[in-house]
PDB file of all heavy atoms in Angstrom:
ATOM      1  N   TYR A   1       0.836  -1.202   0.000  1.00  0.00           N
ATOM      2  CA  TYR A   1       0.000   0.000   0.000  1.00  0.00           C
ATOM      3  C   TYR A   1       0.874   1.258   0.000  1.00  0.00           C
ATOM      4  O   TYR A   1       0.647   2.188  -0.774  1.00  0.00           O
ATOM      5  CB  TYR A   1      -0.945   0.001   1.205  1.00  0.00           C
ATOM      6  CG  TYR A   1      -1.871   1.189   1.191  1.00  0.00           C
ATOM      7  CD1 TYR A   1      -3.093   1.120   0.555  1.00  0.00           C
ATOM      8  CD2 TYR A   1      -1.518   2.394   1.789  1.00  0.00           C
ATOM      9  CE1 TYR A   1      -3.947   2.223   0.509  1.00  0.00           C
ATOM     10  CE2 TYR A   1      -2.351   3.501   1.749  1.00  0.00           C
ATOM     11  CZ  TYR A   1      -3.563   3.403   1.115  1.00  0.00           C
ATOM     12  OH  TYR A   1      -4.395   4.488   1.052  1.00  0.00           O
ATOM     13  N   VAL A   2       1.876   1.271   0.870  1.00  0.00           N
ATOM     14  CA  VAL A   2       2.757   2.439   0.955  1.00  0.00           C
ATOM     15  C   VAL A   2       3.563   2.596  -0.327  1.00  0.00           C
ATOM     16  O   VAL A   2       3.751   3.705  -0.822  1.00  0.00           O
ATOM     17  CB  VAL A   2       3.674   2.351   2.193  1.00  0.00           C
ATOM     18  CG1 VAL A   2       4.768   3.402   2.155  1.00  0.00           C
ATOM     19  CG2 VAL A   2       2.850   2.500   3.458  1.00  0.00           C
ATOM     20  N   ARG A   3       4.042   1.510  -0.893  1.00  0.00           N
ATOM     21  CA  ARG A   3       4.797   1.595  -2.145  1.00  0.00           C
ATOM     22  C   ARG A   3       3.945   2.163  -3.272  1.00  0.00           C
ATOM     23  O   ARG A   3       4.436   2.896  -4.122  1.00  0.00           O
ATOM     24  CB  ARG A   3       5.327   0.220  -2.526  1.00  0.00           C
ATOM     25  CG  ARG A   3       6.460  -0.229  -1.643  1.00  0.00           C
ATOM     26  CD  ARG A   3       7.045  -1.540  -2.087  1.00  0.00           C
ATOM     27  NE  ARG A   3       8.038  -1.970  -1.115  1.00  0.00           N
ATOM     28  CZ  ARG A   3       8.115  -3.182  -0.611  1.00  0.00           C
ATOM     29  NH1 ARG A   3       7.273  -4.117  -0.995  1.00  0.00           N
ATOM     30  NH2 ARG A   3       9.038  -3.479   0.273  1.00  0.00           N
ATOM     31  N   ARG A   4       2.681   1.784  -3.285  1.00  0.00           N
ATOM     32  CA  ARG A   4       1.764   2.226  -4.334  1.00  0.00           C
ATOM     33  C   ARG A   4       1.309   3.672  -4.129  1.00  0.00           C
ATOM     34  O   ARG A   4       1.224   4.440  -5.078  1.00  0.00           O
ATOM     35  CB  ARG A   4       0.556   1.285  -4.356  1.00  0.00           C
ATOM     36  CG  ARG A   4      -0.028   1.027  -5.680  1.00  0.00           C
ATOM     37  CD  ARG A   4      -1.101  -0.064  -5.732  1.00  0.00           C
ATOM     38  NE  ARG A   4      -1.820  -0.358  -4.515  1.00  0.00           N
ATOM     39  CZ  ARG A   4      -1.625  -1.444  -3.749  1.00  0.00           C
ATOM     40  NH1 ARG A   4      -0.726  -2.333  -4.067  1.00  0.00           N
ATOM     41  NH2 ARG A   4      -2.333  -1.643  -2.670  1.00  0.00           N
ATOM     42  N   HIS A   5       0.992   4.031  -2.890  1.00  0.00           N
ATOM     43  CA  HIS A   5       0.382   5.333  -2.616  1.00  0.00           C
ATOM     44  C   HIS A   5       1.340   6.355  -2.000  1.00  0.00           C
ATOM     45  O   HIS A   5       1.018   7.546  -1.965  1.00  0.00           O
ATOM     46  CB  HIS A   5      -0.834   5.167  -1.691  1.00  0.00           C
ATOM     47  CG  HIS A   5      -1.901   4.315  -2.287  1.00  0.00           C
ATOM     48  ND1 HIS A   5      -2.745   4.762  -3.271  1.00  0.00           N
ATOM     49  CD2 HIS A   5      -2.251   3.022  -2.047  1.00  0.00           C
ATOM     50  CE1 HIS A   5      -3.586   3.784  -3.614  1.00  0.00           C
ATOM     51  NE2 HIS A   5      -3.293   2.722  -2.888  1.00  0.00           N
ATOM     52  N   GLY A   6       2.451   5.914  -1.465  1.00  0.00           N
ATOM     53  CA  GLY A   6       3.409   6.835  -0.864  1.00  0.00           C
ATOM     54  C   GLY A   6       2.943   7.478   0.430  1.00  0.00           C
ATOM     55  O   GLY A   6       3.492   8.479   0.867  1.00  0.00           O
ATOM     56  N   ALA A   7       1.903   6.915   1.028  1.00  0.00           N
ATOM     57  CA  ALA A   7       1.364   7.461   2.282  1.00  0.00           C
ATOM     58  C   ALA A   7       0.770   6.321   3.102  1.00  0.00           C
ATOM     59  O   ALA A   7       0.500   5.243   2.574  1.00  0.00           O
ATOM     60  CB  ALA A   7       0.286   8.495   1.979  1.00  0.00           C
ATOM     61  N   LEU A   8       0.582   6.592   4.373  1.00  0.00           N
ATOM     62  CA  LEU A   8      -0.054   5.601   5.242  1.00  0.00           C
ATOM     63  C   LEU A   8      -1.549   5.508   4.924  1.00  0.00           C
ATOM     64  O   LEU A   8      -2.167   6.512   4.575  1.00  0.00           O
ATOM     65  CB  LEU A   8       0.127   5.989   6.712  1.00  0.00           C
ATOM     66  CG  LEU A   8       1.546   5.916   7.257  1.00  0.00           C
ATOM     67  CD1 LEU A   8       1.599   6.486   8.666  1.00  0.00           C
ATOM     68  CD2 LEU A   8       2.057   4.491   7.239  1.00  0.00           C
ATOM     69  N   PRO A   9      -2.116   4.327   5.062  1.00  0.00           N
ATOM     70  CA  PRO A   9      -3.559   4.211   4.844  1.00  0.00           C
ATOM     71  C   PRO A   9      -4.313   4.868   6.001  1.00  0.00           C
ATOM     72  O   PRO A   9      -3.848   4.858   7.133  1.00  0.00           O
ATOM     73  CB  PRO A   9      -3.798   2.699   4.833  1.00  0.00           C
ATOM     74  CG  PRO A   9      -2.666   2.129   5.616  1.00  0.00           C
ATOM     75  CD  PRO A   9      -1.507   3.039   5.399  1.00  0.00           C
ATOM     76  N   GLY A  10      -5.464   5.428   5.690  1.00  0.00           N
ATOM     77  CA  GLY A  10      -6.302   6.002   6.731  1.00  0.00           C
ATOM     78  C   GLY A  10      -6.966   4.904   7.544  1.00  0.00           C
ATOM     79  O   GLY A  10      -6.931   3.726   7.176  1.00  0.00           O
ATOM     80  N   VAL A  11      -7.572   5.297   8.628  1.00  0.00           N
ATOM     81  CA  VAL A  11      -8.236   4.334   9.510  1.00  0.00           C
ATOM     82  C   VAL A  11      -9.345   3.599   8.761  1.00  0.00           C
ATOM     83  O   VAL A  11      -9.477   2.378   8.871  1.00  0.00           O
ATOM     84  CB  VAL A  11      -8.800   5.045  10.767  1.00  0.00           C
ATOM     85  CG1 VAL A  11      -9.633   4.099  11.602  1.00  0.00           C
ATOM     86  CG2 VAL A  11      -7.663   5.627  11.587  1.00  0.00           C
ATOM     87  N   ARG A  12     -10.116   4.335   7.994  1.00  0.00           N
ATOM     88  CA  ARG A  12     -11.211   3.720   7.239  1.00  0.00           C
ATOM     89  C   ARG A  12     -10.688   2.683   6.239  1.00  0.00           C
ATOM     90  O   ARG A  12     -11.234   1.596   6.101  1.00  0.00           O
ATOM     91  CB  ARG A  12     -12.004   4.799   6.523  1.00  0.00           C
ATOM     92  CG  ARG A  12     -13.201   4.274   5.813  1.00  0.00           C
ATOM     93  CD  ARG A  12     -13.951   5.391   5.132  1.00  0.00           C
ATOM     94  NE  ARG A  12     -15.344   5.013   5.077  1.00  0.00           N
ATOM     95  CZ  ARG A  12     -16.327   5.847   5.059  1.00  0.00           C
ATOM     96  NH1 ARG A  12     -16.116   7.139   5.101  1.00  0.00           N
ATOM     97  NH2 ARG A  12     -17.564   5.420   5.002  1.00  0.00           N
ATOM     98  N   ARG A  13      -9.607   3.023   5.552  1.00  0.00           N
ATOM     99  CA  ARG A  13      -9.005   2.097   4.577  1.00  0.00           C
ATOM    100  C   ARG A  13      -8.457   0.862   5.282  1.00  0.00           C
ATOM    101  O   ARG A  13      -8.583  -0.250   4.784  1.00  0.00           O
ATOM    102  CB  ARG A  13      -7.899   2.825   3.805  1.00  0.00           C
ATOM    103  CG  ARG A  13      -7.124   1.936   2.865  1.00  0.00           C
ATOM    104  CD  ARG A  13      -7.983   1.510   1.679  1.00  0.00           C
ATOM    105  NE  ARG A  13      -7.243   0.639   0.810  1.00  0.00           N
ATOM    106  CZ  ARG A  13      -7.566  -0.634   0.595  1.00  0.00           C
ATOM    107  NH1 ARG A  13      -8.616  -1.170   1.149  1.00  0.00           N
ATOM    108  NH2 ARG A  13      -6.845  -1.371  -0.206  1.00  0.00           N
ATOM    109  N   ALA A  14      -7.836   1.038   6.421  1.00  0.00           N
ATOM    110  CA  ALA A  14      -7.269  -0.088   7.169  1.00  0.00           C
ATOM    111  C   ALA A  14      -8.366  -1.045   7.639  1.00  0.00           C
ATOM    112  O   ALA A  14      -8.225  -2.265   7.540  1.00  0.00           O
ATOM    113  CB  ALA A  14      -6.447   0.422   8.351  1.00  0.00           C
ATOM    114  N   TRP A  15      -9.474  -0.505   8.143  1.00  0.00           N
ATOM    115  CA  TRP A  15     -10.565  -1.370   8.590  1.00  0.00           C
ATOM    116  C   TRP A  15     -11.262  -2.028   7.405  1.00  0.00           C
ATOM    117  O   TRP A  15     -11.684  -3.182   7.493  1.00  0.00           O
ATOM    118  CB  TRP A  15     -11.561  -0.603   9.452  1.00  0.00           C
ATOM    119  CG  TRP A  15     -11.090  -0.491  10.868  1.00  0.00           C
ATOM    120  CD1 TRP A  15     -10.647   0.633  11.497  1.00  0.00           C
ATOM    121  CD2 TRP A  15     -10.968  -1.548  11.819  1.00  0.00           C
ATOM    122  NE1 TRP A  15     -10.270   0.338  12.781  1.00  0.00           N
ATOM    123  CE2 TRP A  15     -10.457  -0.998  13.014  1.00  0.00           C
ATOM    124  CE3 TRP A  15     -11.236  -2.922  11.792  1.00  0.00           C
ATOM    125  CZ2 TRP A  15     -10.208  -1.758  14.156  1.00  0.00           C
ATOM    126  CZ3 TRP A  15     -10.990  -3.677  12.935  1.00  0.00           C
ATOM    127  CH2 TRP A  15     -10.490  -3.093  14.095  1.00  0.00           C
ATOM    128  N   SER A  16     -11.362  -1.325   6.303  1.00  0.00           N
ATOM    129  CA  SER A  16     -11.941  -1.914   5.097  1.00  0.00           C
ATOM    130  C   SER A  16     -11.105  -3.107   4.649  1.00  0.00           C
ATOM    131  O   SER A  16     -11.639  -4.174   4.332  1.00  0.00           O
ATOM    132  CB  SER A  16     -12.000  -0.854   3.989  1.00  0.00           C
ATOM    133  OG  SER A  16     -12.435  -1.416   2.788  1.00  0.00           O
ATOM    134  N   PHE A  17      -9.787  -2.908   4.634  1.00  0.00           N
ATOM    135  CA  PHE A  17      -8.893  -4.014   4.300  1.00  0.00           C
ATOM    136  C   PHE A  17      -9.090  -5.176   5.278  1.00  0.00           C
ATOM    137  O   PHE A  17      -9.147  -6.333   4.865  1.00  0.00           O
ATOM    138  CB  PHE A  17      -7.425  -3.556   4.341  1.00  0.00           C
ATOM    139  CG  PHE A  17      -6.461  -4.701   4.207  1.00  0.00           C
ATOM    140  CD1 PHE A  17      -6.096  -5.160   2.956  1.00  0.00           C
ATOM    141  CD2 PHE A  17      -5.961  -5.342   5.326  1.00  0.00           C
ATOM    142  CE1 PHE A  17      -5.239  -6.245   2.835  1.00  0.00           C
ATOM    143  CE2 PHE A  17      -5.108  -6.421   5.218  1.00  0.00           C
ATOM    144  CZ  PHE A  17      -4.739  -6.874   3.958  1.00  0.00           C
ATOM    145  N   ALA A  18      -9.180  -4.852   6.561  1.00  0.00           N
ATOM    146  CA  ALA A  18      -9.308  -5.892   7.584  1.00  0.00           C
ATOM    147  C   ALA A  18     -10.575  -6.729   7.392  1.00  0.00           C
ATOM    148  O   ALA A  18     -10.540  -7.959   7.495  1.00  0.00           O
ATOM    149  CB  ALA A  18      -9.293  -5.273   8.975  1.00  0.00           C
ATOM    150  N   PHE A  19     -11.694  -6.079   7.104  1.00  0.00           N
ATOM    151  CA  PHE A  19     -12.949  -6.830   6.945  1.00  0.00           C
ATOM    152  C   PHE A  19     -12.937  -7.692   5.683  1.00  0.00           C
ATOM    153  O   PHE A  19     -13.338  -8.858   5.723  1.00  0.00           O
ATOM    154  CB  PHE A  19     -14.156  -5.878   6.942  1.00  0.00           C
ATOM    155  CG  PHE A  19     -14.546  -5.435   8.319  1.00  0.00           C
ATOM    156  CD1 PHE A  19     -14.311  -4.138   8.739  1.00  0.00           C
ATOM    157  CD2 PHE A  19     -15.137  -6.317   9.212  1.00  0.00           C
ATOM    158  CE1 PHE A  19     -14.657  -3.731  10.022  1.00  0.00           C
ATOM    159  CE2 PHE A  19     -15.495  -5.925  10.496  1.00  0.00           C
ATOM    160  CZ  PHE A  19     -15.247  -4.631  10.904  1.00  0.00           C
ATOM    161  N   ILE A  20     -12.462  -7.137   4.583  1.00  0.00           N
ATOM    162  CA  ILE A  20     -12.409  -7.936   3.351  1.00  0.00           C
ATOM    163  C   ILE A  20     -11.374  -9.050   3.498  1.00  0.00           C
ATOM    164  O   ILE A  20     -11.615 -10.190   3.099  1.00  0.00           O
ATOM    165  CB  ILE A  20     -12.116  -7.046   2.130  1.00  0.00           C
ATOM    166  CG1 ILE A  20     -13.267  -6.065   1.916  1.00  0.00           C
ATOM    167  CG2 ILE A  20     -11.904  -7.894   0.875  1.00  0.00           C
ATOM    168  CD1 ILE A  20     -12.992  -4.983   0.897  1.00  0.00           C
ATOM    169  N   GLY A  21     -10.229  -8.730   4.103  1.00  0.00           N
ATOM    170  CA  GLY A  21      -9.208  -9.746   4.352  1.00  0.00           C
ATOM    171  C   GLY A  21      -9.723 -10.871   5.228  1.00  0.00           C
ATOM    172  O   GLY A  21      -9.368 -12.039   5.042  1.00  0.00           O
ATOM    173  N   THR A  22     -10.569 -10.537   6.182  1.00  0.00           N
ATOM    174  CA  THR A  22     -11.162 -11.554   7.055  1.00  0.00           C
ATOM    175  C   THR A  22     -12.054 -12.502   6.256  1.00  0.00           C
ATOM    176  O   THR A  22     -12.007 -13.716   6.455  1.00  0.00           O
ATOM    177  CB  THR A  22     -11.961 -10.884   8.191  1.00  0.00           C
ATOM    178  OG1 THR A  22     -11.047 -10.133   8.981  1.00  0.00           O
ATOM    179  CG2 THR A  22     -12.673 -11.898   9.063  1.00  0.00           C
ATOM    180  N   LEU A  23     -12.829 -11.954   5.352  1.00  0.00           N
ATOM    181  CA  LEU A  23     -13.673 -12.809   4.496  1.00  0.00           C
ATOM    182  C   LEU A  23     -12.820 -13.722   3.628  1.00  0.00           C
ATOM    183  O   LEU A  23     -13.117 -14.916   3.485  1.00  0.00           O
ATOM    184  CB  LEU A  23     -14.590 -11.954   3.626  1.00  0.00           C
ATOM    185  CG  LEU A  23     -15.676 -11.180   4.344  1.00  0.00           C
ATOM    186  CD1 LEU A  23     -16.414 -10.257   3.365  1.00  0.00           C
ATOM    187  CD2 LEU A  23     -16.657 -12.125   5.017  1.00  0.00           C
ATOM    188  N   VAL A  24     -11.757 -13.182   3.052  1.00  0.00           N
ATOM    189  CA  VAL A  24     -10.869 -13.982   2.203  1.00  0.00           C
ATOM    190  C   VAL A  24     -10.176 -15.061   3.028  1.00  0.00           C
ATOM    191  O   VAL A  24     -10.156 -16.233   2.650  1.00  0.00           O
ATOM    192  CB  VAL A  24      -9.839 -13.074   1.489  1.00  0.00           C
ATOM    193  CG1 VAL A  24      -8.786 -13.902   0.761  1.00  0.00           C
ATOM    194  CG2 VAL A  24     -10.540 -12.133   0.517  1.00  0.00           C
ATOM    195  N   ALA A  25      -9.607 -14.676   4.172  1.00  0.00           N
ATOM    196  CA  ALA A  25      -8.880 -15.627   5.015  1.00  0.00           C
ATOM    197  C   ALA A  25      -9.803 -16.723   5.552  1.00  0.00           C
ATOM    198  O   ALA A  25      -9.436 -17.906   5.582  1.00  0.00           O
ATOM    199  CB  ALA A  25      -8.209 -14.894   6.178  1.00  0.00           C
ATOM    200  N   THR A  26     -11.001 -16.357   5.945  1.00  0.00           N
ATOM    201  CA  THR A  26     -11.949 -17.346   6.462  1.00  0.00           C
ATOM    202  C   THR A  26     -12.353 -18.318   5.356  1.00  0.00           C
ATOM    203  O   THR A  26     -12.451 -19.527   5.584  1.00  0.00           O
ATOM    204  CB  THR A  26     -13.186 -16.653   7.065  1.00  0.00           C
ATOM    205  OG1 THR A  26     -12.734 -15.748   8.086  1.00  0.00           O
ATOM    206  CG2 THR A  26     -14.135 -17.646   7.690  1.00  0.00           C
ATOM    207  N   SER A  27     -12.559 -17.807   4.162  1.00  0.00           N
ATOM    208  CA  SER A  27     -12.893 -18.673   3.028  1.00  0.00           C
ATOM    209  C   SER A  27     -11.746 -19.640   2.719  1.00  0.00           C
ATOM    210  O   SER A  27     -11.972 -20.832   2.471  1.00  0.00           O
ATOM    211  CB  SER A  27     -13.193 -17.840   1.782  1.00  0.00           C
ATOM    212  OG  SER A  27     -14.279 -16.996   2.007  1.00  0.00           O
ATOM    213  N   LEU A  28     -10.524 -19.127   2.735  1.00  0.00           N
ATOM    214  CA  LEU A  28      -9.365 -19.987   2.497  1.00  0.00           C
ATOM    215  C   LEU A  28      -9.204 -21.014   3.613  1.00  0.00           C
ATOM    216  O   LEU A  28      -8.806 -22.154   3.369  1.00  0.00           O
ATOM    217  CB  LEU A  28      -8.100 -19.138   2.353  1.00  0.00           C
ATOM    218  CG  LEU A  28      -8.041 -18.257   1.105  1.00  0.00           C
ATOM    219  CD1 LEU A  28      -6.847 -17.306   1.184  1.00  0.00           C
ATOM    220  CD2 LEU A  28      -7.990 -19.097  -0.154  1.00  0.00           C
ATOM    221  N   ASN A  29      -9.531 -20.608   4.829  1.00  0.00           N
ATOM    222  CA  ASN A  29      -9.474 -21.527   5.964  1.00  0.00           C
ATOM    223  C   ASN A  29     -10.428 -22.704   5.745  1.00  0.00           C
ATOM    224  O   ASN A  29     -10.063 -23.857   5.951  1.00  0.00           O
ATOM    225  CB  ASN A  29      -9.838 -20.775   7.244  1.00  0.00           C
ATOM    226  CG  ASN A  29      -9.618 -21.588   8.488  1.00  0.00           C
ATOM    227  OD1 ASN A  29      -9.809 -22.786   8.515  1.00  0.00           O
ATOM    228  ND2 ASN A  29      -9.244 -20.919   9.551  1.00  0.00           N
ATOM    229  N   VAL A  30     -11.647 -22.401   5.321  1.00  0.00           N
ATOM    230  CA  VAL A  30     -12.626 -23.462   5.067  1.00  0.00           C
ATOM    231  C   VAL A  30     -12.138 -24.362   3.932  1.00  0.00           C
ATOM    232  O   VAL A  30     -12.232 -25.592   4.018  1.00  0.00           O
ATOM    233  CB  VAL A  30     -14.023 -22.865   4.745  1.00  0.00           C
ATOM    234  CG1 VAL A  30     -14.981 -23.942   4.275  1.00  0.00           C
ATOM    235  CG2 VAL A  30     -14.575 -22.150   5.970  1.00  0.00           C
ATOM    236  N   ALA A  31     -11.596 -23.764   2.875  1.00  0.00           N
ATOM    237  CA  ALA A  31     -11.084 -24.565   1.756  1.00  0.00           C
ATOM    238  C   ALA A  31      -9.961 -25.486   2.213  1.00  0.00           C
ATOM    239  O   ALA A  31      -9.927 -26.671   1.842  1.00  0.00           O
ATOM    240  CB  ALA A  31     -10.599 -23.645   0.638  1.00  0.00           C
ATOM    241  N   LEU A  32      -9.039 -24.973   3.020  1.00  0.00           N
ATOM    242  CA  LEU A  32      -7.944 -25.799   3.525  1.00  0.00           C
ATOM    243  C   LEU A  32      -8.446 -26.883   4.486  1.00  0.00           C
ATOM    244  O   LEU A  32      -7.885 -27.975   4.545  1.00  0.00           O
ATOM    245  CB  LEU A  32      -6.896 -24.937   4.223  1.00  0.00           C
ATOM    246  CG  LEU A  32      -6.006 -24.108   3.310  1.00  0.00           C
ATOM    247  CD1 LEU A  32      -5.163 -23.126   4.130  1.00  0.00           C
ATOM    248  CD2 LEU A  32      -5.098 -25.002   2.482  1.00  0.00           C
ATOM    249  N   ALA A  33      -9.492 -26.573   5.220  1.00  0.00           N
ATOM    250  CA  ALA A  33     -10.039 -27.552   6.171  1.00  0.00           C
ATOM    251  C   ALA A  33     -10.542 -28.797   5.453  1.00  0.00           C
ATOM    252  O   ALA A  33     -10.406 -29.913   5.960  1.00  0.00           O
ATOM    253  CB  ALA A  33     -11.174 -26.924   6.976  1.00  0.00           C
ATOM    254  N   TYR A  34     -11.103 -28.606   4.273  1.00  0.00           N
ATOM    255  CA  TYR A  34     -11.667 -29.737   3.541  1.00  0.00           C
ATOM    256  C   TYR A  34     -10.756 -30.238   2.433  1.00  0.00           C
ATOM    257  O   TYR A  34     -11.111 -31.167   1.705  1.00  0.00           O
ATOM    258  CB  TYR A  34     -13.047 -29.358   2.996  1.00  0.00           C
ATOM    259  CG  TYR A  34     -14.034 -29.189   4.128  1.00  0.00           C
ATOM    260  CD1 TYR A  34     -14.372 -27.930   4.601  1.00  0.00           C
ATOM    261  CD2 TYR A  34     -14.580 -30.294   4.761  1.00  0.00           C
ATOM    262  CE1 TYR A  34     -15.246 -27.779   5.660  1.00  0.00           C
ATOM    263  CE2 TYR A  34     -15.449 -30.162   5.823  1.00  0.00           C
ATOM    264  CZ  TYR A  34     -15.781 -28.891   6.269  1.00  0.00           C
ATOM    265  OH  TYR A  34     -16.637 -28.746   7.327  1.00  0.00           O
ATOM    266  N   ALA A  35      -9.562 -29.648   2.294  1.00  0.00           N
ATOM    267  CA  ALA A  35      -8.616 -30.081   1.264  1.00  0.00           C
ATOM    268  C   ALA A  35      -7.946 -31.401   1.646  1.00  0.00           C
ATOM    269  O   ALA A  35      -7.384 -32.070   0.801  1.00  0.00           O
ATOM    270  CB  ALA A  35      -7.564 -29.008   1.030  1.00  0.00           C
ATOM    271  N   GLY A  36      -7.992 -31.737   2.888  1.00  0.00           N
ATOM    272  CA  GLY A  36      -7.401 -32.999   3.332  1.00  0.00           C
ATOM    273  C   GLY A  36      -6.326 -32.782   4.367  1.00  0.00           C
ATOM    274  O   GLY A  36      -5.631 -31.768   4.344  1.00  0.00           O
TER     275      GLY A  36
END
């Protein structure tokens, strides 16, 4: 993010990333759980 934008992310951007990242990570967790 810093390399791309040259600035720190705002609080809103950080929480937005966190919520979407949580959905992605949880989905990957479920996929790995049933992968064997």
